[in-house]
């Protein structure tokens, strides 16, 4: 059961990957429509990607904690 819980915690990486992919595609579309706003779009994109990646890292940390501390 511990391995199952750790595996479920690591699945947050899937959501983060999908979120970053969608955000990148929308940002590239926005830059294509308004090239003069590319600086602002890049700032918002990087902030969103950092937050999405943080959720994946939290899931990984939880999985490691489950494996090592619930034995």
C-alpha atoms as a PDB file:
ATOM      1  CA  UNK A   1       0.000   0.000   0.000  1.00  0.00           C
ATOM      2  CA  UNK A   2       2.925   2.343   0.618  1.00  0.00           C
ATOM      3  CA  UNK A   3       4.166   1.894  -2.928  1.00  0.00           C
ATOM      4  CA  UNK A   4       0.679   2.564  -4.267  1.00  0.00           C
ATOM      5  CA  UNK A   5       0.441   5.801  -2.281  1.00  0.00           C
ATOM      6  CA  UNK A   6       3.869   6.904  -3.483  1.00  0.00           C
ATOM      7  CA  UNK A   7       2.924   6.119  -7.062  1.00  0.00           C
ATOM      8  CA  UNK A   8      -0.227   8.185  -6.790  1.00  0.00           C
ATOM      9  CA  UNK A   9       1.736  11.099  -5.326  1.00  0.00           C
ATOM     10  CA  UNK A  10       4.156  11.049  -8.262  1.00  0.00           C
ATOM     11  CA  UNK A  11       1.259  11.249 -10.729  1.00  0.00           C
ATOM     12  CA  UNK A  12       1.119  15.006 -10.066  1.00  0.00           C
ATOM     13  CA  UNK A  13       3.883  15.227 -12.663  1.00  0.00           C
ATOM     14  CA  UNK A  14       1.382  14.308 -15.373  1.00  0.00           C
ATOM     15  CA  UNK A  15      -0.844  17.244 -14.517  1.00  0.00           C
ATOM     16  CA  UNK A  16       2.126  19.584 -14.384  1.00  0.00           C
ATOM     17  CA  UNK A  17       3.352  18.412 -17.777  1.00  0.00           C
ATOM     18  CA  UNK A  18      -0.048  18.867 -19.387  1.00  0.00           C
ATOM     19  CA  UNK A  19      -0.439  22.292 -17.780  1.00  0.00           C
ATOM     20  CA  UNK A  20       2.951  23.499 -18.952  1.00  0.00           C
ATOM     21  CA  UNK A  21       2.283  22.219 -22.465  1.00  0.00           C
ATOM     22  CA  UNK A  22      -1.069  23.970 -22.708  1.00  0.00           C
ATOM     23  CA  UNK A  23       0.362  27.202 -21.285  1.00  0.00           C
ATOM     24  CA  UNK A  24       3.269  27.154 -23.743  1.00  0.00           C
ATOM     25  CA  UNK A  25       0.988  26.600 -26.712  1.00  0.00           C
ATOM     26  CA  UNK A  26      -1.329  29.423 -25.673  1.00  0.00           C
ATOM     27  CA  UNK A  27       1.625  31.746 -25.060  1.00  0.00           C
ATOM     28  CA  UNK A  28       3.057  31.047 -28.503  1.00  0.00           C
ATOM     29  CA  UNK A  29      -0.358  31.735 -30.046  1.00  0.00           C
ATOM     30  CA  UNK A  30      -0.594  34.994 -28.108  1.00  0.00           C
ATOM     31  CA  UNK A  31       2.883  36.075 -29.250  1.00  0.00           C
ATOM     32  CA  UNK A  32       1.967  35.244 -32.846  1.00  0.00           C
ATOM     33  CA  UNK A  33      -1.095  37.485 -32.582  1.00  0.00           C
ATOM     34  CA  UNK A  34       0.601  40.343 -30.687  1.00  0.00           C
ATOM     35  CA  UNK A  35       4.391  40.278 -31.098  1.00  0.00           C
ATOM     36  CA  UNK A  36       4.781  43.621 -29.293  1.00  0.00           C
ATOM     37  CA  UNK A  37       3.459  42.065 -26.065  1.00  0.00           C
ATOM     38  CA  UNK A  38       5.933  39.171 -26.078  1.00  0.00           C
ATOM     39  CA  UNK A  39       7.832  40.444 -23.039  1.00  0.00           C
ATOM     40  CA  UNK A  40       4.748  40.526 -20.828  1.00  0.00           C
ATOM     41  CA  UNK A  41       3.541  37.175 -22.164  1.00  0.00           C
ATOM     42  CA  UNK A  42       6.912  35.556 -21.446  1.00  0.00           C
ATOM     43  CA  UNK A  43       6.897  36.848 -17.864  1.00  0.00           C
ATOM     44  CA  UNK A  44       3.454  35.407 -17.183  1.00  0.00           C
ATOM     45  CA  UNK A  45       4.358  32.137 -18.932  1.00  0.00           C
ATOM     46  CA  UNK A  46       7.493  31.654 -16.842  1.00  0.00           C
ATOM     47  CA  UNK A  47       5.616  32.354 -13.622  1.00  0.00           C
ATOM     48  CA  UNK A  48       2.883  29.870 -14.546  1.00  0.00           C
ATOM     49  CA  UNK A  49       5.392  27.208 -15.561  1.00  0.00           C
ATOM     50  CA  UNK A  50       7.293  27.654 -12.297  1.00  0.00           C
ATOM     51  CA  UNK A  51       4.104  27.214 -10.270  1.00  0.00           C
ATOM     52  CA  UNK A  52       3.055  24.162 -12.286  1.00  0.00           C
ATOM     53  CA  UNK A  53       6.492  22.618 -11.909  1.00  0.00           C
ATOM     54  CA  UNK A  54       6.394  23.275  -8.179  1.00  0.00           C
ATOM     55  CA  UNK A  55       3.307  21.094  -7.864  1.00  0.00           C
ATOM     56  CA  UNK A  56       5.177  18.239  -9.535  1.00  0.00           C
ATOM     57  CA  UNK A  57       8.116  18.702  -7.173  1.00  0.00           C
ATOM     58  CA  UNK A  58       5.750  18.696  -4.169  1.00  0.00           C
ATOM     59  CA  UNK A  59       4.266  15.429  -5.393  1.00  0.00           C
ATOM     60  CA  UNK A  60       7.732  13.924  -5.726  1.00  0.00           C
ATOM     61  CA  UNK A  61       8.708  15.068  -2.237  1.00  0.00           C
ATOM     62  CA  UNK A  62       5.515  13.592  -0.791  1.00  0.00           C
ATOM     63  CA  UNK A  63       6.236  10.299  -2.558  1.00  0.00           C
ATOM     64  CA  UNK A  64       9.766  10.181  -1.148  1.00  0.00           C
ATOM     65  CA  UNK A  65       8.477  10.989   2.337  1.00  0.00           C
ATOM     66  CA  UNK A  66       5.863   8.245   2.053  1.00  0.00           C
ATOM     67  CA  UNK A  67       8.476   5.688   1.032  1.00  0.00           C
ATOM     68  CA  UNK A  68      11.061   6.525   3.694  1.00  0.00           C
ATOM     69  CA  UNK A  69       8.932   7.451   6.689  1.00  0.00           C
ATOM     70  CA  UNK A  70       5.966   5.071   6.507  1.00  0.00           C
ATOM     71  CA  UNK A  71       7.884   1.811   6.557  1.00  0.00           C
END
